[in-house]
Amino acid sequence: MLPLVFCSIIVWAIIFERGWFFLRLNKHLHLFYFEAMDQLMRSSPLDSIRNLCSKYPNLPTSRLLVVGIEGALKNKNRFEKLERQRQKESQKLRSYFWILGTVGSASPFIGLFGTVIGILKSFSEMAKTSSGGFSVVAQGISESLIATAAGIVVAVVAVVAYNAFQTLLNKILLTIKHHAEEFSELLEARDLHI
């Protein structure tokens, strides 16, 4: 049961951390988008756009806009650099997902292992006392089945969280992609003025 308790604590910690992270990220993505679009549409100087990006250093779209500005100034490999940066940002946002997937697939087996150990102990006790029958083994088996049930519960929570975060992340990545494309189009339209 101890490994399952440990796995459960890790899963709940990730659920709260990622949930809070994605909630804040979604809010900041939209705030930054409106501020950046306002400056890009008004053809603000690139230095003021960079200053805006420095206010949001941990935001993926902010880092993408910085890469876009640098690419616009150098005027080479802009789209390749933007795409590489977008893939890096996508990878960063997937942090801890592998833990949820691993716990979701391993927990039932950990629980089953606990059940097997419990059954082995029950039969060992039966052999020591030289008494048999279902009543002797029943209590040990019923206690050991709790490990299987706990493993299934931990796995269900981990898999549901994994799928929910995966869906939420896909929406956020789509938003980031659309924002990056709009920033890139506006920077491209300004090329003549840079």
N, C-alpha and C. Protein backbone atom coordinates (compact mmCIF):
# COMPACT_ATOMS: atom_id res chain seq x y z
N MET A 1 0.81 -1.21 0.00
CA MET A 1 0.00 0.00 0.00
C MET A 1 0.85 1.26 0.00
N LEU A 2 2.05 1.22 0.59
CA LEU A 2 2.88 2.43 0.67
C LEU A 2 3.24 2.99 -0.71
N PRO A 3 3.63 2.14 -1.69
CA PRO A 3 3.89 2.70 -3.02
C PRO A 3 2.64 3.35 -3.63
N LEU A 4 1.47 2.79 -3.37
CA LEU A 4 0.24 3.37 -3.91
C LEU A 4 -0.09 4.69 -3.24
N VAL A 5 0.16 4.80 -1.94
CA VAL A 5 -0.04 6.08 -1.25
C VAL A 5 0.91 7.13 -1.82
N PHE A 6 2.17 6.73 -2.04
CA PHE A 6 3.17 7.64 -2.63
C PHE A 6 2.73 8.08 -4.03
N CYS A 7 2.28 7.13 -4.86
CA CYS A 7 1.82 7.46 -6.21
C CYS A 7 0.61 8.39 -6.17
N SER A 8 -0.29 8.15 -5.22
CA SER A 8 -1.48 8.99 -5.10
C SER A 8 -1.10 10.42 -4.74
N ILE A 9 -0.17 10.58 -3.80
CA ILE A 9 0.29 11.92 -3.41
C ILE A 9 0.90 12.64 -4.60
N ILE A 10 1.73 11.93 -5.36
CA ILE A 10 2.37 12.54 -6.54
C ILE A 10 1.30 12.96 -7.56
N VAL A 11 0.34 12.08 -7.81
CA VAL A 11 -0.71 12.40 -8.79
C VAL A 11 -1.49 13.63 -8.37
N TRP A 12 -1.90 13.71 -7.10
CA TRP A 12 -2.67 14.87 -6.65
C TRP A 12 -1.83 16.14 -6.67
N ALA A 13 -0.54 16.02 -6.35
CA ALA A 13 0.34 17.20 -6.41
C ALA A 13 0.43 17.72 -7.85
N ILE A 14 0.58 16.81 -8.81
CA ILE A 14 0.65 17.20 -10.22
C ILE A 14 -0.68 17.80 -10.67
N ILE A 15 -1.79 17.21 -10.24
CA ILE A 15 -3.10 17.74 -10.63
C ILE A 15 -3.25 19.18 -10.17
N PHE A 16 -2.91 19.46 -8.91
CA PHE A 16 -3.05 20.83 -8.41
C PHE A 16 -2.05 21.78 -9.07
N GLU A 17 -0.81 21.33 -9.24
CA GLU A 17 0.21 22.20 -9.84
C GLU A 17 -0.12 22.52 -11.30
N ARG A 18 -0.41 21.48 -12.09
CA ARG A 18 -0.70 21.70 -13.51
C ARG A 18 -2.03 22.45 -13.70
N GLY A 19 -3.01 22.15 -12.86
CA GLY A 19 -4.28 22.87 -12.95
C GLY A 19 -4.12 24.35 -12.71
N TRP A 20 -3.38 24.70 -11.66
CA TRP A 20 -3.11 26.11 -11.34
C TRP A 20 -2.28 26.74 -12.45
N PHE A 21 -1.27 26.01 -12.93
CA PHE A 21 -0.39 26.53 -13.99
C PHE A 21 -1.19 26.83 -15.26
N PHE A 22 -2.02 25.88 -15.70
CA PHE A 22 -2.78 26.09 -16.94
C PHE A 22 -3.84 27.17 -16.79
N LEU A 23 -4.41 27.30 -15.61
CA LEU A 23 -5.40 28.36 -15.36
C LEU A 23 -4.74 29.74 -15.51
N ARG A 24 -3.58 29.91 -14.88
CA ARG A 24 -2.85 31.19 -14.98
C ARG A 24 -2.34 31.42 -16.39
N LEU A 25 -1.82 30.36 -17.02
CA LEU A 25 -1.28 30.48 -18.38
C LEU A 25 -2.36 30.96 -19.35
N ASN A 26 -3.53 30.37 -19.27
CA ASN A 26 -4.62 30.74 -20.17
C ASN A 26 -4.98 32.22 -20.01
N LYS A 27 -5.05 32.66 -18.77
CA LYS A 27 -5.38 34.07 -18.49
C LYS A 27 -4.29 35.00 -19.06
N HIS A 28 -3.04 34.68 -18.80
CA HIS A 28 -1.93 35.54 -19.25
C HIS A 28 -1.75 35.52 -20.76
N LEU A 29 -2.05 34.37 -21.39
CA LEU A 29 -1.97 34.30 -22.85
C LEU A 29 -2.88 35.34 -23.50
N HIS A 30 -4.10 35.44 -22.98
CA HIS A 30 -5.06 36.38 -23.56
C HIS A 30 -4.69 37.82 -23.25
N LEU A 31 -4.22 38.10 -22.03
CA LEU A 31 -3.80 39.46 -21.69
C LEU A 31 -2.65 39.91 -22.59
N PHE A 32 -1.65 39.04 -22.72
CA PHE A 32 -0.50 39.39 -23.55
C PHE A 32 -0.90 39.55 -25.01
N TYR A 33 -1.77 38.68 -25.49
CA TYR A 33 -2.20 38.74 -26.89
C TYR A 33 -2.81 40.10 -27.20
N PHE A 34 -3.73 40.57 -26.37
CA PHE A 34 -4.39 41.84 -26.64
C PHE A 34 -3.42 43.01 -26.56
N GLU A 35 -2.50 42.98 -25.60
CA GLU A 35 -1.51 44.06 -25.49
C GLU A 35 -0.56 44.04 -26.69
N ALA A 36 -0.09 42.86 -27.07
CA ALA A 36 0.86 42.75 -28.19
C ALA A 36 0.19 43.14 -29.50
N MET A 37 -1.04 42.67 -29.71
CA MET A 37 -1.75 43.02 -30.95
C MET A 37 -1.98 44.53 -31.04
N ASP A 38 -2.30 45.13 -29.91
CA ASP A 38 -2.50 46.58 -29.89
C ASP A 38 -1.22 47.30 -30.33
N GLN A 39 -0.09 46.88 -29.80
CA GLN A 39 1.17 47.53 -30.17
C GLN A 39 1.56 47.22 -31.61
N LEU A 40 1.34 45.98 -32.05
CA LEU A 40 1.69 45.63 -33.43
C LEU A 40 0.79 46.34 -34.44
N MET A 41 -0.49 46.47 -34.11
CA MET A 41 -1.43 47.14 -35.03
C MET A 41 -1.14 48.63 -35.11
N ARG A 42 -0.66 49.22 -34.00
CA ARG A 42 -0.36 50.65 -34.00
C ARG A 42 1.05 50.92 -34.52
N SER A 43 1.73 49.87 -34.96
CA SER A 43 3.10 49.98 -35.45
C SER A 43 4.01 50.65 -34.43
N SER A 44 3.88 50.21 -33.19
CA SER A 44 4.75 50.72 -32.12
C SER A 44 6.19 50.34 -32.43
N PRO A 45 7.15 51.12 -31.90
CA PRO A 45 8.56 50.76 -32.11
C PRO A 45 8.84 49.35 -31.56
N LEU A 46 9.77 48.67 -32.20
CA LEU A 46 10.09 47.30 -31.78
C LEU A 46 10.61 47.25 -30.36
N ASP A 47 11.28 48.32 -29.90
CA ASP A 47 11.78 48.34 -28.52
C ASP A 47 10.64 48.30 -27.51
N SER A 48 9.53 48.99 -27.80
CA SER A 48 8.41 48.95 -26.86
C SER A 48 7.74 47.57 -26.88
N ILE A 49 7.76 46.90 -28.04
CA ILE A 49 7.21 45.54 -28.11
C ILE A 49 8.11 44.58 -27.33
N ARG A 50 9.43 44.79 -27.44
CA ARG A 50 10.36 43.96 -26.65
C ARG A 50 10.15 44.19 -25.15
N ASN A 51 9.91 45.45 -24.76
CA ASN A 51 9.66 45.74 -23.35
C ASN A 51 8.41 45.03 -22.86
N LEU A 52 7.39 44.99 -23.71
CA LEU A 52 6.17 44.26 -23.35
C LEU A 52 6.49 42.78 -23.16
N CYS A 53 7.30 42.22 -24.05
CA CYS A 53 7.67 40.80 -23.94
C CYS A 53 8.46 40.55 -22.65
N SER A 54 9.28 41.51 -22.24
CA SER A 54 10.07 41.32 -21.02
C SER A 54 9.18 41.35 -19.77
N LYS A 55 7.97 41.93 -19.88
CA LYS A 55 7.03 41.89 -18.75
C LYS A 55 6.44 40.49 -18.57
N TYR A 56 6.48 39.68 -19.61
CA TYR A 56 5.92 38.32 -19.58
C TYR A 56 7.01 37.31 -19.96
N PRO A 57 8.10 37.22 -19.18
CA PRO A 57 9.22 36.36 -19.61
C PRO A 57 8.91 34.87 -19.63
N ASN A 58 7.93 34.43 -18.85
CA ASN A 58 7.63 33.00 -18.77
C ASN A 58 6.49 32.58 -19.69
N LEU A 59 6.03 33.48 -20.53
CA LEU A 59 4.90 33.19 -21.40
C LEU A 59 5.39 32.69 -22.76
N PRO A 60 4.87 31.55 -23.23
CA PRO A 60 5.34 31.01 -24.52
C PRO A 60 5.17 31.99 -25.69
N THR A 61 4.03 32.68 -25.76
CA THR A 61 3.81 33.59 -26.88
C THR A 61 4.74 34.79 -26.81
N SER A 62 5.12 35.20 -25.61
CA SER A 62 6.08 36.29 -25.46
C SER A 62 7.44 35.88 -26.03
N ARG A 63 7.87 34.68 -25.69
CA ARG A 63 9.16 34.20 -26.22
C ARG A 63 9.09 34.00 -27.73
N LEU A 64 7.92 33.57 -28.23
CA LEU A 64 7.76 33.42 -29.68
C LEU A 64 7.82 34.77 -30.39
N LEU A 65 7.22 35.78 -29.79
CA LEU A 65 7.24 37.11 -30.40
C LEU A 65 8.66 37.67 -30.43
N VAL A 66 9.44 37.42 -29.39
CA VAL A 66 10.85 37.85 -29.39
C VAL A 66 11.61 37.19 -30.53
N VAL A 67 11.39 35.88 -30.71
CA VAL A 67 12.03 35.15 -31.82
C VAL A 67 11.57 35.73 -33.16
N GLY A 68 10.29 36.07 -33.26
CA GLY A 68 9.76 36.66 -34.49
C GLY A 68 10.38 38.02 -34.79
N ILE A 69 10.56 38.83 -33.75
CA ILE A 69 11.19 40.15 -33.94
C ILE A 69 12.64 39.99 -34.38
N GLU A 70 13.36 39.09 -33.72
CA GLU A 70 14.76 38.86 -34.11
C GLU A 70 14.85 38.35 -35.55
N GLY A 71 13.92 37.46 -35.92
CA GLY A 71 13.90 36.95 -37.29
C GLY A 71 13.55 38.03 -38.29
N ALA A 72 12.65 38.95 -37.91
CA ALA A 72 12.28 40.04 -38.81
C ALA A 72 13.45 40.98 -39.01
N LEU A 73 14.23 41.22 -37.96
CA LEU A 73 15.38 42.11 -38.08
C LEU A 73 16.49 41.47 -38.91
N LYS A 74 16.72 40.18 -38.74
CA LYS A 74 17.76 39.50 -39.51
C LYS A 74 17.25 39.09 -40.88
N ASN A 75 15.93 38.93 -40.98
CA ASN A 75 15.25 38.61 -42.24
C ASN A 75 15.73 37.31 -42.88
N LYS A 76 16.04 36.30 -42.05
CA LYS A 76 16.38 35.00 -42.62
C LYS A 76 15.99 33.90 -41.65
N ASN A 77 15.51 32.79 -42.19
CA ASN A 77 15.08 31.63 -41.42
C ASN A 77 14.06 31.97 -40.33
N ARG A 78 13.27 33.01 -40.55
CA ARG A 78 12.33 33.46 -39.54
C ARG A 78 11.32 32.37 -39.20
N PHE A 79 10.71 31.78 -40.22
CA PHE A 79 9.63 30.81 -39.98
C PHE A 79 10.17 29.51 -39.38
N GLU A 80 11.37 29.11 -39.80
CA GLU A 80 11.97 27.90 -39.23
C GLU A 80 12.27 28.11 -37.75
N LYS A 81 12.82 29.29 -37.40
CA LYS A 81 13.13 29.57 -36.00
C LYS A 81 11.86 29.64 -35.16
N LEU A 82 10.83 30.25 -35.71
CA LEU A 82 9.55 30.33 -34.99
C LEU A 82 8.99 28.93 -34.74
N GLU A 83 9.05 28.09 -35.74
CA GLU A 83 8.51 26.73 -35.60
C GLU A 83 9.32 25.93 -34.58
N ARG A 84 10.65 26.07 -34.60
CA ARG A 84 11.49 25.38 -33.62
C ARG A 84 11.16 25.85 -32.21
N GLN A 85 11.00 27.17 -32.05
CA GLN A 85 10.67 27.71 -30.73
C GLN A 85 9.30 27.23 -30.27
N ARG A 86 8.36 27.17 -31.18
CA ARG A 86 7.00 26.71 -30.84
C ARG A 86 7.04 25.25 -30.38
N GLN A 87 7.87 24.42 -31.02
CA GLN A 87 8.00 23.02 -30.61
C GLN A 87 8.64 22.92 -29.22
N LYS A 88 9.63 23.79 -28.94
CA LYS A 88 10.25 23.80 -27.61
C LYS A 88 9.23 24.18 -26.55
N GLU A 89 8.42 25.20 -26.85
CA GLU A 89 7.40 25.63 -25.90
C GLU A 89 6.39 24.51 -25.66
N SER A 90 6.01 23.81 -26.70
CA SER A 90 5.07 22.70 -26.58
C SER A 90 5.64 21.61 -25.67
N GLN A 91 6.92 21.33 -25.83
CA GLN A 91 7.56 20.29 -25.01
C GLN A 91 7.59 20.71 -23.54
N LYS A 92 7.88 21.99 -23.28
CA LYS A 92 7.92 22.48 -21.89
C LYS A 92 6.56 22.35 -21.23
N LEU A 93 5.50 22.62 -21.98
CA LEU A 93 4.16 22.60 -21.41
C LEU A 93 3.70 21.17 -21.08
N ARG A 94 4.36 20.17 -21.62
CA ARG A 94 3.99 18.78 -21.36
C ARG A 94 4.67 18.22 -20.10
N SER A 95 5.32 19.07 -19.33
CA SER A 95 6.00 18.61 -18.12
C SER A 95 5.06 17.82 -17.23
N TYR A 96 5.57 16.77 -16.66
CA TYR A 96 4.88 15.91 -15.69
C TYR A 96 3.79 15.02 -16.29
N PHE A 97 3.46 15.18 -17.57
CA PHE A 97 2.43 14.32 -18.16
C PHE A 97 2.87 12.86 -18.13
N TRP A 98 4.17 12.63 -18.34
CA TRP A 98 4.67 11.26 -18.37
C TRP A 98 4.47 10.57 -17.02
N ILE A 99 4.53 11.35 -15.92
CA ILE A 99 4.33 10.76 -14.60
C ILE A 99 2.89 10.29 -14.45
N LEU A 100 1.94 11.13 -14.89
CA LEU A 100 0.53 10.73 -14.82
C LEU A 100 0.28 9.46 -15.65
N GLY A 101 0.86 9.41 -16.84
CA GLY A 101 0.70 8.23 -17.70
C GLY A 101 1.31 6.98 -17.08
N THR A 102 2.49 7.14 -16.49
CA THR A 102 3.17 5.99 -15.88
C THR A 102 2.40 5.48 -14.66
N VAL A 103 1.98 6.41 -13.79
CA VAL A 103 1.23 6.00 -12.60
C VAL A 103 -0.10 5.37 -13.02
N GLY A 104 -0.74 5.95 -14.04
CA GLY A 104 -2.01 5.41 -14.51
C GLY A 104 -1.90 3.98 -15.03
N SER A 105 -0.78 3.66 -15.65
CA SER A 105 -0.64 2.30 -16.18
C SER A 105 -0.02 1.33 -15.18
N ALA A 106 0.79 1.85 -14.24
CA ALA A 106 1.49 0.95 -13.31
C ALA A 106 0.71 0.66 -12.02
N SER A 107 -0.15 1.58 -11.59
CA SER A 107 -0.84 1.42 -10.29
C SER A 107 -1.65 0.13 -10.16
N PRO A 108 -2.42 -0.27 -11.19
CA PRO A 108 -3.16 -1.54 -11.02
C PRO A 108 -2.22 -2.73 -10.80
N PHE A 109 -1.06 -2.70 -11.43
CA PHE A 109 -0.11 -3.81 -11.26
C PHE A 109 0.53 -3.78 -9.87
N ILE A 110 0.78 -2.56 -9.36
CA ILE A 110 1.30 -2.44 -7.99
C ILE A 110 0.28 -3.00 -7.01
N GLY A 111 -1.01 -2.62 -7.22
CA GLY A 111 -2.08 -3.15 -6.37
C GLY A 111 -2.21 -4.66 -6.46
N LEU A 112 -2.10 -5.17 -7.68
CA LEU A 112 -2.19 -6.62 -7.87
C LEU A 112 -1.02 -7.33 -7.20
N PHE A 113 0.16 -6.74 -7.25
CA PHE A 113 1.32 -7.31 -6.58
C PHE A 113 1.08 -7.38 -5.07
N GLY A 114 0.48 -6.31 -4.52
CA GLY A 114 0.13 -6.32 -3.09
C GLY A 114 -0.86 -7.41 -2.76
N THR A 115 -1.81 -7.63 -3.65
CA THR A 115 -2.80 -8.69 -3.44
C THR A 115 -2.13 -10.07 -3.44
N VAL A 116 -1.23 -10.29 -4.37
CA VAL A 116 -0.53 -11.58 -4.45
C VAL A 116 0.28 -11.82 -3.17
N ILE A 117 0.96 -10.77 -2.70
CA ILE A 117 1.75 -10.90 -1.46
C ILE A 117 0.82 -11.23 -0.28
N GLY A 118 -0.34 -10.55 -0.23
CA GLY A 118 -1.30 -10.81 0.85
C GLY A 118 -1.81 -12.24 0.82
N ILE A 119 -2.10 -12.74 -0.36
CA ILE A 119 -2.58 -14.13 -0.48
C ILE A 119 -1.48 -15.11 -0.08
N LEU A 120 -0.25 -14.83 -0.49
CA LEU A 120 0.87 -15.70 -0.09
C LEU A 120 1.02 -15.72 1.42
N LYS A 121 0.87 -14.55 2.07
CA LYS A 121 0.97 -14.51 3.54
C LYS A 121 -0.16 -15.32 4.18
N SER A 122 -1.36 -15.21 3.59
CA SER A 122 -2.50 -15.98 4.13
C SER A 122 -2.23 -17.47 4.08
N PHE A 123 -1.73 -17.95 2.96
CA PHE A 123 -1.42 -19.38 2.84
C PHE A 123 -0.26 -19.78 3.73
N SER A 124 0.68 -18.86 3.91
CA SER A 124 1.81 -19.14 4.80
C SER A 124 1.32 -19.30 6.24
N GLU A 125 0.40 -18.41 6.65
CA GLU A 125 -0.18 -18.51 8.00
C GLU A 125 -0.95 -19.82 8.17
N MET A 126 -1.68 -20.18 7.12
CA MET A 126 -2.44 -21.43 7.17
C MET A 126 -1.50 -22.62 7.33
N ALA A 127 -0.36 -22.59 6.64
CA ALA A 127 0.60 -23.68 6.74
C ALA A 127 1.23 -23.73 8.14
N LYS A 128 1.48 -22.56 8.74
CA LYS A 128 2.10 -22.51 10.08
C LYS A 128 1.15 -23.06 11.15
N THR A 129 -0.13 -22.70 11.05
CA THR A 129 -1.10 -23.12 12.06
C THR A 129 -1.66 -24.51 11.80
N SER A 130 -1.36 -25.06 10.67
CA SER A 130 -1.85 -26.37 10.26
C SER A 130 -3.36 -26.48 10.28
N SER A 131 -4.00 -25.34 10.07
CA SER A 131 -5.47 -25.36 9.98
C SER A 131 -5.86 -24.89 8.59
N GLY A 132 -6.94 -25.39 8.09
CA GLY A 132 -7.35 -25.04 6.74
C GLY A 132 -8.76 -24.50 6.71
N GLY A 133 -9.24 -24.35 5.52
CA GLY A 133 -10.60 -23.89 5.34
C GLY A 133 -10.66 -22.44 4.89
N PHE A 134 -11.80 -22.16 4.35
CA PHE A 134 -12.00 -20.82 3.80
C PHE A 134 -11.97 -19.74 4.89
N SER A 135 -12.49 -20.02 6.05
CA SER A 135 -12.55 -19.01 7.11
C SER A 135 -11.16 -18.55 7.54
N VAL A 136 -10.17 -19.43 7.47
CA VAL A 136 -8.81 -19.07 7.86
C VAL A 136 -8.19 -18.13 6.83
N VAL A 137 -8.45 -18.39 5.56
CA VAL A 137 -7.82 -17.63 4.49
C VAL A 137 -8.62 -16.38 4.11
N ALA A 138 -9.92 -16.38 4.40
CA ALA A 138 -10.79 -15.31 3.92
C ALA A 138 -10.37 -13.92 4.38
N GLN A 139 -10.01 -13.80 5.66
CA GLN A 139 -9.66 -12.48 6.17
C GLN A 139 -8.41 -11.94 5.47
N GLY A 140 -7.40 -12.76 5.32
CA GLY A 140 -6.16 -12.33 4.65
C GLY A 140 -6.38 -11.94 3.21
N ILE A 141 -7.22 -12.72 2.52
CA ILE A 141 -7.51 -12.42 1.12
C ILE A 141 -8.31 -11.13 1.00
N SER A 142 -9.30 -10.94 1.87
CA SER A 142 -10.10 -9.71 1.78
C SER A 142 -9.25 -8.48 2.05
N GLU A 143 -8.31 -8.58 3.00
CA GLU A 143 -7.41 -7.44 3.27
C GLU A 143 -6.49 -7.19 2.08
N SER A 144 -6.02 -8.25 1.47
CA SER A 144 -5.08 -8.07 0.36
C SER A 144 -5.77 -7.51 -0.89
N LEU A 145 -7.07 -7.78 -1.04
CA LEU A 145 -7.80 -7.23 -2.20
C LEU A 145 -7.94 -5.71 -2.12
N ILE A 146 -7.78 -5.15 -0.94
CA ILE A 146 -7.83 -3.70 -0.79
C ILE A 146 -6.71 -3.05 -1.62
N ALA A 147 -5.58 -3.72 -1.69
CA ALA A 147 -4.46 -3.19 -2.49
C ALA A 147 -4.83 -3.09 -3.97
N THR A 148 -5.53 -4.09 -4.49
CA THR A 148 -5.96 -4.04 -5.89
C THR A 148 -6.94 -2.90 -6.10
N ALA A 149 -7.90 -2.77 -5.18
CA ALA A 149 -8.88 -1.68 -5.30
C ALA A 149 -8.18 -0.32 -5.24
N ALA A 150 -7.23 -0.17 -4.32
CA ALA A 150 -6.50 1.11 -4.21
C ALA A 150 -5.71 1.39 -5.48
N GLY A 151 -5.10 0.36 -6.05
CA GLY A 151 -4.35 0.54 -7.30
C GLY A 151 -5.24 1.01 -8.43
N ILE A 152 -6.44 0.44 -8.50
CA ILE A 152 -7.38 0.84 -9.56
C ILE A 152 -7.84 2.28 -9.36
N VAL A 153 -8.11 2.67 -8.09
CA VAL A 153 -8.54 4.05 -7.82
C VAL A 153 -7.45 5.04 -8.22
N VAL A 154 -6.22 4.77 -7.82
CA VAL A 154 -5.10 5.66 -8.16
C VAL A 154 -4.94 5.74 -9.68
N ALA A 155 -5.07 4.61 -10.35
CA ALA A 155 -4.92 4.59 -11.82
C ALA A 155 -6.02 5.39 -12.49
N VAL A 156 -7.25 5.24 -12.02
CA VAL A 156 -8.37 5.97 -12.63
C VAL A 156 -8.16 7.48 -12.49
N VAL A 157 -7.77 7.93 -11.30
CA VAL A 157 -7.52 9.37 -11.08
C VAL A 157 -6.41 9.86 -12.00
N ALA A 158 -5.32 9.09 -12.10
CA ALA A 158 -4.18 9.51 -12.94
C ALA A 158 -4.57 9.56 -14.41
N VAL A 159 -5.30 8.58 -14.89
CA VAL A 159 -5.68 8.53 -16.31
C VAL A 159 -6.67 9.63 -16.65
N VAL A 160 -7.64 9.87 -15.76
CA VAL A 160 -8.61 10.96 -16.00
C VAL A 160 -7.88 12.31 -16.03
N ALA A 161 -6.96 12.52 -15.08
CA ALA A 161 -6.20 13.77 -15.06
C ALA A 161 -5.34 13.90 -16.32
N TYR A 162 -4.70 12.81 -16.72
CA TYR A 162 -3.86 12.83 -17.92
C TYR A 162 -4.68 13.24 -19.14
N ASN A 163 -5.84 12.61 -19.32
CA ASN A 163 -6.68 12.92 -20.48
C ASN A 163 -7.24 14.34 -20.42
N ALA A 164 -7.63 14.80 -19.23
CA ALA A 164 -8.15 16.16 -19.09
C ALA A 164 -7.07 17.18 -19.42
N PHE A 165 -5.87 16.97 -18.89
CA PHE A 165 -4.77 17.91 -19.16
C PHE A 165 -4.34 17.85 -20.62
N GLN A 166 -4.38 16.67 -21.21
CA GLN A 166 -4.03 16.54 -22.62
C GLN A 166 -4.99 17.35 -23.49
N THR A 167 -6.29 17.28 -23.19
CA THR A 167 -7.30 18.04 -23.93
C THR A 167 -7.09 19.54 -23.73
N LEU A 168 -6.88 19.94 -22.48
CA LEU A 168 -6.65 21.36 -22.18
C LEU A 168 -5.38 21.86 -22.86
N LEU A 169 -4.33 21.05 -22.83
CA LEU A 169 -3.07 21.45 -23.46
C LEU A 169 -3.24 21.60 -24.97
N ASN A 170 -3.98 20.72 -25.60
CA ASN A 170 -4.21 20.86 -27.05
C ASN A 170 -4.90 22.16 -27.39
N LYS A 171 -5.86 22.58 -26.56
CA LYS A 171 -6.52 23.88 -26.78
C LYS A 171 -5.54 25.02 -26.60
N ILE A 172 -4.70 24.95 -25.57
CA ILE A 172 -3.73 26.01 -25.31
C ILE A 172 -2.70 26.07 -26.43
N LEU A 173 -2.23 24.90 -26.90
CA LEU A 173 -1.25 24.88 -27.99
C LEU A 173 -1.84 25.45 -29.28
N LEU A 174 -3.12 25.20 -29.52
CA LEU A 174 -3.78 25.78 -30.69
C LEU A 174 -3.87 27.29 -30.56
N THR A 175 -4.18 27.77 -29.36
CA THR A 175 -4.21 29.22 -29.12
C THR A 175 -2.84 29.83 -29.34
N ILE A 176 -1.80 29.18 -28.83
CA ILE A 176 -0.43 29.68 -29.01
C ILE A 176 -0.07 29.71 -30.49
N LYS A 177 -0.46 28.68 -31.22
CA LYS A 177 -0.16 28.63 -32.66
C LYS A 177 -0.85 29.77 -33.39
N HIS A 178 -2.13 30.01 -33.09
CA HIS A 178 -2.86 31.10 -33.75
C HIS A 178 -2.24 32.46 -33.40
N HIS A 179 -1.91 32.65 -32.13
CA HIS A 179 -1.29 33.91 -31.72
C HIS A 179 0.04 34.12 -32.43
N ALA A 180 0.86 33.07 -32.49
CA ALA A 180 2.17 33.18 -33.14
C ALA A 180 2.01 33.49 -34.62
N GLU A 181 1.04 32.87 -35.28
CA GLU A 181 0.81 33.14 -36.71
C GLU A 181 0.37 34.58 -36.94
N GLU A 182 -0.51 35.09 -36.06
CA GLU A 182 -0.95 36.48 -36.21
C GLU A 182 0.20 37.45 -35.96
N PHE A 183 1.01 37.18 -34.94
CA PHE A 183 2.17 38.04 -34.68
C PHE A 183 3.11 38.03 -35.89
N SER A 184 3.33 36.83 -36.44
CA SER A 184 4.23 36.69 -37.58
C SER A 184 3.71 37.46 -38.79
N GLU A 185 2.41 37.37 -39.04
CA GLU A 185 1.82 38.10 -40.18
C GLU A 185 1.97 39.60 -40.02
N LEU A 186 1.75 40.09 -38.80
CA LEU A 186 1.88 41.54 -38.57
C LEU A 186 3.34 41.98 -38.67
N LEU A 187 4.26 41.15 -38.19
CA LEU A 187 5.68 41.49 -38.32
C LEU A 187 6.10 41.47 -39.79
N GLU A 188 5.57 40.53 -40.56
CA GLU A 188 5.88 40.45 -41.98
C GLU A 188 5.36 41.69 -42.71
N ALA A 189 4.18 42.14 -42.32
CA ALA A 189 3.60 43.34 -42.96
C ALA A 189 4.43 44.58 -42.63
N ARG A 190 5.12 44.55 -41.50
CA ARG A 190 5.94 45.69 -41.10
C ARG A 190 7.36 45.62 -41.63
N ASP A 191 7.72 44.57 -42.36
CA ASP A 191 9.12 44.39 -42.82
C ASP A 191 9.66 45.62 -43.50
N LEU A 192 8.83 46.29 -44.27
CA LEU A 192 9.32 47.45 -45.01
C LEU A 192 9.70 48.59 -44.07
N HIS A 193 9.10 48.61 -42.89
CA HIS A 193 9.34 49.72 -41.97
C HIS A 193 10.44 49.42 -40.95
N ILE A 194 10.93 48.18 -40.94
CA ILE A 194 11.94 47.82 -39.94
C ILE A 194 13.30 48.32 -40.40
